[in-house]
């Protein structure tokens, strides 16, 4: 009787302890609220339980707000499981970026268009439709135009034929596909300009051309390439990997002597009429805006979805050192951070305080830094610089490491729908006034 009573008391005590521990654990790893980036986006609760140290920045918190993630222990999926990966990316944040130098450049183009003979509009072959700036149709009027699709080495070559046919049919344009960095097909632009002068010498004693386009499509690189071809001289305009290197309309540069041909470089002008958040992601992914305008983690997650739904699914795992493709951006970025030693600064006072509040580490858990140095393969997730890992992944795409990938749908039906749906800014203003 006594033994039975003791057993029941022990069971009640253990039950009470188990309930309290379960409640505490539940409070400890409760998932954070979701944002609208994806219906199933949530930070891994397993990761939160395994690594209690608080990060000294909002890098990891950003993952909880918008990144679809499963367990931190998730590994890359076999190729035959790729069918379960996401087919669409849901995103609802618009890009608002229109610096004052772009407004000034557009106004100068409008006021000085009578000095321009030919417009060279440069677009990005990776986003052939999204990189069309509708403002140029209104500002540049009916000036002769040479349409150039640059960075063609980074785009899918299968898109050229349907794009050429669609542009000729719906916009009366004959595009030239170039790679300005390597001088590929740049001579075609120079030949077209020379032919205009020689066919109409009385009209063109010399030829003035202006180069326009959205930011970071390679306008300055194209001018340098044409100058090397025409007058055998070196670089004359600055170039860079980020948008906004050219911030003012430059002085005209001679690119050919006989007949005299001049080119004027202009700042990249972002189209404020970009209405779709996905179009904004495409421009951001291709480097057309400053990375700080969008959370790099979201752009990297969008890139992962596009890679998994393209032929690049066979290539990107080896480039990033993964065992195979995965649909979990958190798994990818953690792996990059550990491989590249991308760790947050552990010297700050805030980091030391947050680590001290976590208490002594478990013997079988992540260990604190020894002598101020961290082992990236053993460190807790809260030490990883997730934003830097995302930037590395984006740079790999922009440099073509994953293989050629076109972000716009270039099927004939999609091109027809996109090109017939593009109204010029002038047409839109007239429509609004008529309503």
Protein backbone atom coordinates (compact mmCIF):
# COMPACT_ATOMS: atom_id res chain seq x y z
CA UNK A 1 0.00 0.00 0.00
CA UNK A 2 2.77 2.34 0.98
CA UNK A 3 4.77 1.39 -2.14
CA UNK A 4 1.75 2.00 -4.40
CA UNK A 5 1.18 5.43 -2.88
CA UNK A 6 4.81 6.41 -3.39
CA UNK A 7 4.64 5.24 -7.02
CA UNK A 8 1.54 7.36 -7.70
CA UNK A 9 3.14 10.39 -6.07
CA UNK A 10 6.26 9.93 -8.18
CA UNK A 11 4.16 9.66 -11.35
CA UNK A 12 2.32 12.86 -10.51
CA UNK A 13 5.60 14.62 -9.81
CA UNK A 14 7.16 13.44 -13.09
CA UNK A 15 4.03 14.38 -15.00
CA UNK A 16 4.10 17.86 -13.53
CA UNK A 17 7.79 18.26 -14.36
CA UNK A 18 7.25 17.00 -17.91
CA UNK A 19 4.37 19.39 -18.44
CA UNK A 20 6.43 22.32 -17.18
CA UNK A 21 9.40 21.38 -19.33
CA UNK A 22 7.18 20.96 -22.40
CA UNK A 23 5.59 24.34 -21.77
CA UNK A 24 9.00 25.97 -21.34
CA UNK A 25 10.30 24.32 -24.50
CA UNK A 26 7.20 25.41 -26.40
CA UNK A 27 7.68 28.99 -25.23
CA UNK A 28 11.35 28.83 -26.17
CA UNK A 29 10.93 27.72 -29.76
CA UNK A 30 7.62 29.30 -30.69
CA UNK A 31 7.83 30.33 -34.38
CA UNK A 32 7.71 34.00 -35.27
CA UNK A 33 4.92 35.53 -37.35
CA UNK A 34 5.12 35.02 -41.09
CA UNK A 35 5.33 37.75 -43.67
CA UNK A 36 3.82 37.59 -47.12
CA UNK A 37 6.92 36.50 -49.01
CA UNK A 38 5.76 32.89 -49.12
CA UNK A 39 2.87 31.01 -47.56
CA UNK A 40 5.16 28.49 -45.89
CA UNK A 41 8.04 30.80 -44.96
CA UNK A 42 9.20 30.32 -41.36
CA UNK A 43 12.47 30.15 -39.52
CA UNK A 44 13.45 26.67 -38.44
CA UNK A 45 12.23 25.97 -34.92
CA UNK A 46 14.86 23.28 -34.60
CA UNK A 47 17.55 25.88 -35.29
CA UNK A 48 16.09 28.18 -32.66
CA UNK A 49 16.17 25.41 -30.05
CA UNK A 50 19.63 24.14 -30.94
CA UNK A 51 21.35 27.54 -31.00
CA UNK A 52 20.08 29.79 -28.20
CA UNK A 53 22.76 32.47 -28.64
CA UNK A 54 21.31 35.76 -29.86
CA UNK A 55 22.84 37.29 -32.97
CA UNK A 56 24.21 40.83 -32.63
CA UNK A 57 22.40 41.99 -35.76
CA UNK A 58 19.10 41.42 -37.54
CA UNK A 59 20.61 39.06 -40.11
CA UNK A 60 19.07 35.91 -38.67
CA UNK A 61 15.87 37.75 -37.71
CA UNK A 62 15.47 38.66 -41.38
CA UNK A 63 15.21 34.99 -42.21
CA UNK A 64 12.26 34.59 -39.88
CA UNK A 65 10.42 37.37 -41.68
CA UNK A 66 10.59 36.15 -45.21
CA UNK A 67 12.51 32.99 -45.95
CA UNK A 68 11.06 29.56 -46.46
CA UNK A 69 13.13 27.23 -44.31
CA UNK A 70 12.87 23.77 -42.85
CA UNK A 71 15.09 22.22 -40.19
CA UNK A 72 18.62 23.56 -39.79
CA UNK A 73 19.75 19.96 -40.12
CA UNK A 74 18.17 19.69 -43.55
CA UNK A 75 20.54 18.45 -46.23
CA UNK A 76 20.48 18.82 -49.98
CA UNK A 77 17.77 16.80 -51.69
CA UNK A 78 18.47 14.13 -54.29
CA UNK A 79 17.86 15.16 -57.89
CA UNK A 80 14.72 13.00 -58.12
CA UNK A 81 13.13 15.00 -55.28
CA UNK A 82 13.42 18.27 -57.20
CA UNK A 83 9.84 17.78 -58.40
CA UNK A 84 8.66 18.82 -54.93
CA UNK A 85 10.51 22.14 -55.04
CA UNK A 86 8.66 25.44 -55.34
CA UNK A 87 7.55 26.37 -58.85
CA UNK A 88 6.58 29.96 -58.06
CA UNK A 89 7.91 32.69 -55.83
CA UNK A 90 5.44 34.92 -54.02
CA UNK A 91 6.67 38.44 -53.22
CA UNK A 92 4.81 41.71 -52.66
CA UNK A 93 7.40 44.41 -51.93
CA UNK A 94 7.95 47.13 -54.53
CA UNK A 95 11.27 48.82 -55.27
CA UNK A 96 11.27 52.59 -54.86
CA UNK A 97 14.49 54.01 -56.25
CA UNK A 98 14.74 57.10 -58.42
CA UNK A 99 17.79 59.19 -57.43
CA UNK A 100 17.91 62.87 -58.31
CA UNK A 101 20.71 62.37 -60.84
CA UNK A 102 18.41 60.13 -62.89
CA UNK A 103 15.69 62.80 -62.97
CA UNK A 104 18.27 65.38 -64.05
CA UNK A 105 19.68 63.12 -66.78
CA UNK A 106 16.21 62.39 -68.20
CA UNK A 107 15.42 66.10 -68.33
CA UNK A 108 18.73 66.84 -70.09
CA UNK A 109 18.01 64.12 -72.64
CA UNK A 110 14.60 65.65 -73.33
CA UNK A 111 16.02 69.16 -73.74
CA UNK A 112 19.00 68.13 -75.85
CA UNK A 113 17.42 65.50 -78.09
CA UNK A 114 17.69 67.80 -81.14
CA UNK A 115 21.49 67.40 -80.93
CA UNK A 116 21.23 63.61 -81.13
CA UNK A 117 21.23 61.70 -84.43
CA UNK A 118 21.06 58.09 -83.19
CA UNK A 119 20.06 56.53 -79.87
CA UNK A 120 21.82 53.36 -78.73
CA UNK A 121 19.50 51.72 -76.20
CA UNK A 122 21.29 49.04 -74.18
CA UNK A 123 19.24 46.34 -72.46
CA UNK A 124 20.16 43.30 -70.36
CA UNK A 125 19.87 39.98 -72.20
CA UNK A 126 19.05 38.23 -68.91
CA UNK A 127 15.91 40.38 -68.53
CA UNK A 128 15.13 41.30 -72.16
CA UNK A 129 11.61 42.54 -71.46
CA UNK A 130 12.00 43.87 -67.92
CA UNK A 131 15.00 46.00 -68.99
CA UNK A 132 12.91 47.96 -71.51
CA UNK A 133 12.46 51.46 -70.08
CA UNK A 134 9.19 52.88 -71.37
CA UNK A 135 10.29 56.44 -70.59
CA UNK A 136 12.74 56.40 -73.49
CA UNK A 137 9.93 55.93 -76.01
CA UNK A 138 8.37 59.21 -74.88
CA UNK A 139 11.54 61.24 -74.29
CA UNK A 140 13.57 60.17 -77.32
CA UNK A 141 10.67 60.29 -79.75
CA UNK A 142 11.22 58.97 -83.27
CA UNK A 143 15.02 59.21 -83.27
CA UNK A 144 16.81 56.41 -85.10
CA UNK A 145 17.49 53.72 -82.55
CA UNK A 146 19.97 50.85 -82.32
CA UNK A 147 18.76 48.28 -79.79
CA UNK A 148 21.54 46.35 -78.08
CA UNK A 149 21.14 43.37 -75.76
CA UNK A 150 24.32 43.20 -73.71
CA UNK A 151 25.66 40.46 -71.41
CA UNK A 152 24.44 37.85 -73.86
CA UNK A 153 27.04 35.41 -72.52
CA UNK A 154 25.07 35.27 -69.24
CA UNK A 155 21.68 34.62 -70.89
CA UNK A 156 20.13 31.50 -72.36
CA UNK A 157 21.06 31.44 -76.08
CA UNK A 158 17.71 29.85 -76.97
CA UNK A 159 15.94 33.15 -76.29
CA UNK A 160 17.55 35.04 -79.19
CA UNK A 161 15.42 33.77 -82.07
CA UNK A 162 11.96 34.23 -80.48
CA UNK A 163 13.01 37.59 -79.02
CA UNK A 164 14.30 38.86 -82.37
CA UNK A 165 11.09 37.82 -84.13
CA UNK A 166 8.86 39.36 -81.45
CA UNK A 167 10.76 42.69 -81.35
CA UNK A 168 10.61 42.95 -85.14
CA UNK A 169 6.92 42.20 -85.20
CA UNK A 170 5.66 44.29 -82.29
CA UNK A 171 8.25 47.09 -81.90
CA UNK A 172 9.92 47.26 -85.32
CA UNK A 173 13.33 46.69 -83.75
CA UNK A 174 16.29 44.61 -84.93
CA UNK A 175 18.39 43.83 -81.87
CA UNK A 176 22.15 43.32 -81.73
CA UNK A 177 23.37 40.83 -79.12
CA UNK A 178 26.69 41.79 -77.55
CA UNK A 179 29.12 41.04 -74.76
CA UNK A 180 30.79 44.41 -74.29
CA UNK A 181 33.44 43.17 -71.87
CA UNK A 182 34.81 40.86 -74.55
CA UNK A 183 33.98 43.04 -77.56
CA UNK A 184 31.59 40.44 -79.01
CA UNK A 185 29.49 41.94 -81.85
CA UNK A 186 30.42 45.50 -80.86
CA UNK A 187 31.68 46.02 -84.40
CA UNK A 188 28.10 45.57 -85.66
CA UNK A 189 27.11 48.76 -83.82
CA UNK A 190 30.06 50.65 -85.26
CA UNK A 191 29.33 49.37 -88.76
CA UNK A 192 25.70 50.48 -88.48
CA UNK A 193 26.79 53.99 -87.49
CA UNK A 194 29.38 54.21 -90.29
CA UNK A 195 26.81 53.04 -92.86
CA UNK A 196 24.44 55.86 -91.86
CA UNK A 197 27.12 58.48 -92.45
CA UNK A 198 28.28 57.08 -95.77
CA UNK A 199 24.77 56.51 -97.11
CA UNK A 200 23.69 60.08 -96.25
CA UNK A 201 26.84 62.25 -96.12
CA UNK A 202 24.87 65.46 -96.64
CA UNK A 203 22.69 64.66 -93.64
CA UNK A 204 25.45 63.31 -91.41
CA UNK A 205 28.73 65.22 -91.84
CA UNK A 206 29.38 63.75 -88.40
CA UNK A 207 27.24 61.47 -86.25
CA UNK A 208 26.25 62.07 -82.62
CA UNK A 209 24.97 59.10 -80.67
CA UNK A 210 23.78 58.79 -77.08
CA UNK A 211 23.82 55.57 -75.06
CA UNK A 212 20.85 55.01 -72.75
CA UNK A 213 19.49 52.16 -70.65
CA UNK A 214 18.57 51.11 -67.13
CA UNK A 215 21.39 50.96 -64.56
CA UNK A 216 24.21 48.41 -64.84
CA UNK A 217 23.44 47.02 -68.30
CA UNK A 218 26.98 47.76 -69.52
CA UNK A 219 26.66 51.14 -71.26
CA UNK A 220 30.08 52.37 -70.20
CA UNK A 221 31.68 49.04 -71.07
CA UNK A 222 30.12 49.23 -74.53
CA UNK A 223 31.52 52.74 -75.11
CA UNK A 224 34.99 51.60 -74.07
CA UNK A 225 34.72 48.61 -76.42
CA UNK A 226 33.62 50.80 -79.36
CA UNK A 227 36.44 53.25 -78.68
CA UNK A 228 39.00 50.44 -78.73
CA UNK A 229 37.62 49.25 -82.06
CA UNK A 230 37.26 52.65 -83.70
CA UNK A 231 40.22 54.79 -82.61
CA UNK A 232 42.39 52.14 -80.94
CA UNK A 233 42.34 53.93 -77.60
CA UNK A 234 41.74 52.64 -74.10
CA UNK A 235 39.06 53.04 -71.47
CA UNK A 236 37.49 56.46 -71.24
CA UNK A 237 34.51 55.90 -68.90
CA UNK A 238 34.45 54.28 -65.47
CA UNK A 239 32.74 50.92 -65.08
CA UNK A 240 31.71 48.91 -62.02
CA UNK A 241 29.77 45.88 -60.85
CA UNK A 242 27.18 47.94 -58.98
CA UNK A 243 24.49 50.25 -60.30
CA UNK A 244 25.00 54.00 -60.27
CA UNK A 245 28.70 54.30 -61.25
CA UNK A 246 27.84 56.91 -63.91
CA UNK A 247 25.84 59.70 -62.24
CA UNK A 248 25.89 62.44 -64.89
CA UNK A 249 25.78 62.82 -68.66
CA UNK A 250 29.37 62.66 -69.84
CA UNK A 251 31.21 64.70 -72.49
CA UNK A 252 31.03 63.24 -75.94
CA UNK A 253 33.75 60.76 -76.88
CA UNK A 254 35.02 60.15 -80.41
CA UNK A 255 34.83 56.49 -81.38
CA UNK A 256 35.66 56.85 -85.11
CA UNK A 257 37.66 59.34 -87.17
CA UNK A 258 36.38 59.12 -90.76
CA UNK A 259 33.49 59.75 -90.72
CA UNK A 260 33.59 61.43 -87.29
CA UNK A 261 31.34 59.54 -84.87
CA UNK A 262 30.79 60.60 -81.28
CA UNK A 263 29.15 58.86 -78.33
CA UNK A 264 27.74 60.30 -75.11
CA UNK A 265 27.37 58.14 -72.00
CA UNK A 266 24.41 58.71 -69.66
CA UNK A 267 23.50 57.50 -66.16
CA UNK A 268 21.37 54.40 -65.93
CA UNK A 269 17.74 55.45 -65.60
CA UNK A 270 15.43 53.21 -63.61
CA UNK A 271 11.86 52.94 -64.83
CA UNK A 272 9.51 54.03 -62.01
CA UNK A 273 6.65 52.35 -63.89
CA UNK A 274 7.93 48.90 -62.88
CA UNK A 275 4.71 47.70 -61.34
CA UNK A 276 5.40 44.08 -60.48
CA UNK A 277 7.44 43.20 -57.38
CA UNK A 278 8.78 40.18 -59.29
CA UNK A 279 10.07 42.51 -62.02
CA UNK A 280 11.79 44.47 -59.27
CA UNK A 281 13.41 41.27 -58.03
CA UNK A 282 14.64 40.49 -61.55
CA UNK A 283 16.22 43.92 -61.92
CA UNK A 284 17.77 43.64 -58.47
CA UNK A 285 19.11 40.15 -59.19
CA UNK A 286 20.71 41.32 -62.43
CA UNK A 287 22.37 44.22 -60.57
CA UNK A 288 20.12 47.01 -61.87
CA UNK A 289 19.56 48.54 -58.42
CA UNK A 290 21.53 48.95 -55.25
CA UNK A 291 21.44 45.75 -53.22
CA UNK A 292 20.56 47.66 -50.07
CA UNK A 293 17.15 48.52 -51.56
CA UNK A 294 16.02 44.92 -51.26
CA UNK A 295 16.88 42.37 -48.63
CA UNK A 296 19.56 40.24 -50.26
CA UNK A 297 18.15 37.13 -48.58
CA UNK A 298 14.85 37.50 -50.46
CA UNK A 299 16.65 38.04 -53.77
CA UNK A 300 18.82 34.98 -53.09
CA UNK A 301 15.72 32.93 -52.30
CA UNK A 302 14.16 34.03 -55.60
CA UNK A 303 17.37 33.04 -57.38
CA UNK A 304 17.24 29.61 -55.74
CA UNK A 305 13.70 29.05 -57.06
CA UNK A 306 14.78 30.03 -60.58
CA UNK A 307 17.85 27.80 -60.45
CA UNK A 308 15.79 24.83 -59.32
CA UNK A 309 13.42 25.30 -62.26
CA UNK A 310 16.10 25.56 -64.93
CA UNK A 311 18.95 23.55 -66.38
CA UNK A 312 21.20 25.25 -63.80
CA UNK A 313 19.87 22.85 -61.16
CA UNK A 314 22.61 20.43 -62.21
CA UNK A 315 25.38 23.00 -61.87
CA UNK A 316 24.80 25.26 -58.90
CA UNK A 317 25.27 22.57 -56.20
CA UNK A 318 28.83 21.88 -57.34
CA UNK A 319 29.60 25.61 -57.58
CA UNK A 320 28.42 26.16 -53.99
CA UNK A 321 29.82 22.88 -52.68
CA UNK A 322 26.42 21.34 -51.86
CA UNK A 323 25.69 17.62 -52.00
CA UNK A 324 22.77 18.28 -54.32
CA UNK A 325 19.97 20.78 -55.06
CA UNK A 326 17.85 22.06 -52.21
CA UNK A 327 14.76 24.22 -51.86
CA UNK A 328 15.84 25.66 -48.51
CA UNK A 329 17.68 28.97 -48.88
CA UNK A 330 18.67 28.90 -45.20
CA UNK A 331 20.55 25.63 -45.78
CA UNK A 332 22.36 27.16 -48.76
CA UNK A 333 23.36 30.38 -47.00
CA UNK A 334 24.53 28.63 -43.83
CA UNK A 335 26.69 26.35 -45.96
CA UNK A 336 28.18 29.32 -47.84
CA UNK A 337 28.96 31.14 -44.59
CA UNK A 338 30.71 28.14 -43.12
CA UNK A 339 32.69 27.41 -46.29
CA UNK A 340 33.71 31.04 -46.86
CA UNK A 341 34.20 31.89 -43.18
CA UNK A 342 31.52 34.60 -43.27
CA UNK A 343 31.09 35.32 -39.56
CA UNK A 344 29.65 38.27 -37.73
CA UNK A 345 31.98 40.57 -35.83
CA UNK A 346 32.43 39.02 -32.37
CA UNK A 347 34.36 41.94 -30.94
CA UNK A 348 31.36 44.12 -30.17
CA UNK A 349 30.06 44.57 -26.63
CA UNK A 350 26.50 43.70 -27.64
CA UNK A 351 27.64 40.31 -28.92
CA UNK A 352 29.55 39.53 -25.70
CA UNK A 353 26.55 40.45 -23.55
CA UNK A 354 24.16 38.33 -25.59
CA UNK A 355 26.54 35.38 -25.37
CA UNK A 356 26.91 35.83 -21.60
CA UNK A 357 23.12 35.84 -21.08
CA UNK A 358 22.89 32.49 -22.86
CA UNK A 359 24.78 30.86 -19.97
CA UNK A 360 27.45 28.17 -20.16
CA UNK A 361 27.34 26.07 -23.35
CA UNK A 362 26.23 22.45 -23.29
CA UNK A 363 28.99 19.89 -23.62
CA UNK A 364 27.39 18.50 -26.78
CA UNK A 365 26.27 21.87 -28.16
CA UNK A 366 27.93 24.72 -30.11
CA UNK A 367 31.04 25.98 -28.34
CA UNK A 368 31.93 29.64 -27.74
CA UNK A 369 34.92 31.22 -29.49
CA UNK A 370 38.34 30.35 -28.12
CA UNK A 371 40.79 33.25 -27.88
CA UNK A 372 38.39 35.39 -29.94
CA UNK A 373 38.50 33.04 -32.92
CA UNK A 374 35.59 31.07 -34.30
CA UNK A 375 35.61 27.77 -36.12
CA UNK A 376 33.06 28.28 -38.95
CA UNK A 377 32.35 24.54 -39.12
CA UNK A 378 31.44 24.27 -35.43
CA UNK A 379 30.06 27.69 -34.63
CA UNK A 380 26.40 28.32 -33.85
CA UNK A 381 24.13 29.69 -36.57
CA UNK A 382 23.85 33.01 -34.72
CA UNK A 383 27.52 33.72 -35.50
CA UNK A 384 27.02 33.41 -39.29
CA UNK A 385 26.84 36.51 -41.50
CA UNK A 386 23.82 35.43 -43.53
CA UNK A 387 23.64 38.70 -45.50
CA UNK A 388 27.21 38.29 -46.72
CA UNK A 389 26.42 34.72 -47.74
CA UNK A 390 23.47 35.99 -49.77
CA UNK A 391 25.63 38.62 -51.47
CA UNK A 392 28.15 35.94 -52.42
CA UNK A 393 25.40 33.84 -54.00
CA UNK A 394 24.09 36.83 -55.99
CA UNK A 395 27.58 37.70 -57.21
CA UNK A 396 28.05 34.14 -58.42
CA UNK A 397 24.95 34.45 -60.58
CA UNK A 398 25.96 37.87 -61.92
CA UNK A 399 29.35 36.49 -62.93
CA UNK A 400 27.77 33.53 -64.71
CA UNK A 401 29.10 30.83 -62.37
CA UNK A 402 25.78 28.94 -62.40
CA UNK A 403 25.52 28.98 -66.18
CA UNK A 404 23.41 31.09 -68.55
CA UNK A 405 19.99 31.93 -67.13
CA UNK A 406 17.36 34.26 -68.61
CA UNK A 407 14.86 35.49 -66.02
CA UNK A 408 12.11 36.67 -68.39
CA UNK A 409 9.79 34.22 -70.13
CA UNK A 410 10.82 34.30 -73.79
CA UNK A 411 8.25 31.92 -75.21
CA UNK A 412 6.44 33.42 -78.24
CA UNK A 413 3.14 33.70 -76.37
CA UNK A 414 4.72 35.41 -73.35
CA UNK A 415 6.69 37.81 -75.54
CA UNK A 416 3.58 38.79 -77.47
CA UNK A 417 1.64 39.41 -74.28
CA UNK A 418 4.49 41.46 -72.78
CA UNK A 419 5.35 43.55 -75.83
CA UNK A 420 1.77 44.31 -76.84
CA UNK A 421 1.04 45.26 -73.24
CA UNK A 422 3.89 47.77 -73.06
CA UNK A 423 2.57 51.27 -73.61
CA UNK A 424 4.92 54.21 -73.71
CA UNK A 425 4.84 56.69 -70.87
CA UNK A 426 3.38 59.24 -73.31
CA UNK A 427 0.56 56.88 -74.28
CA UNK A 428 -0.19 56.25 -70.62
CA UNK A 429 -0.41 59.97 -69.88
CA UNK A 430 -2.78 60.46 -72.83
CA UNK A 431 -4.95 57.57 -71.65
CA UNK A 432 -5.14 59.01 -68.14
CA UNK A 433 -6.06 62.46 -69.45
CA UNK A 434 -8.83 60.96 -71.58
CA UNK A 435 -10.46 59.19 -68.64
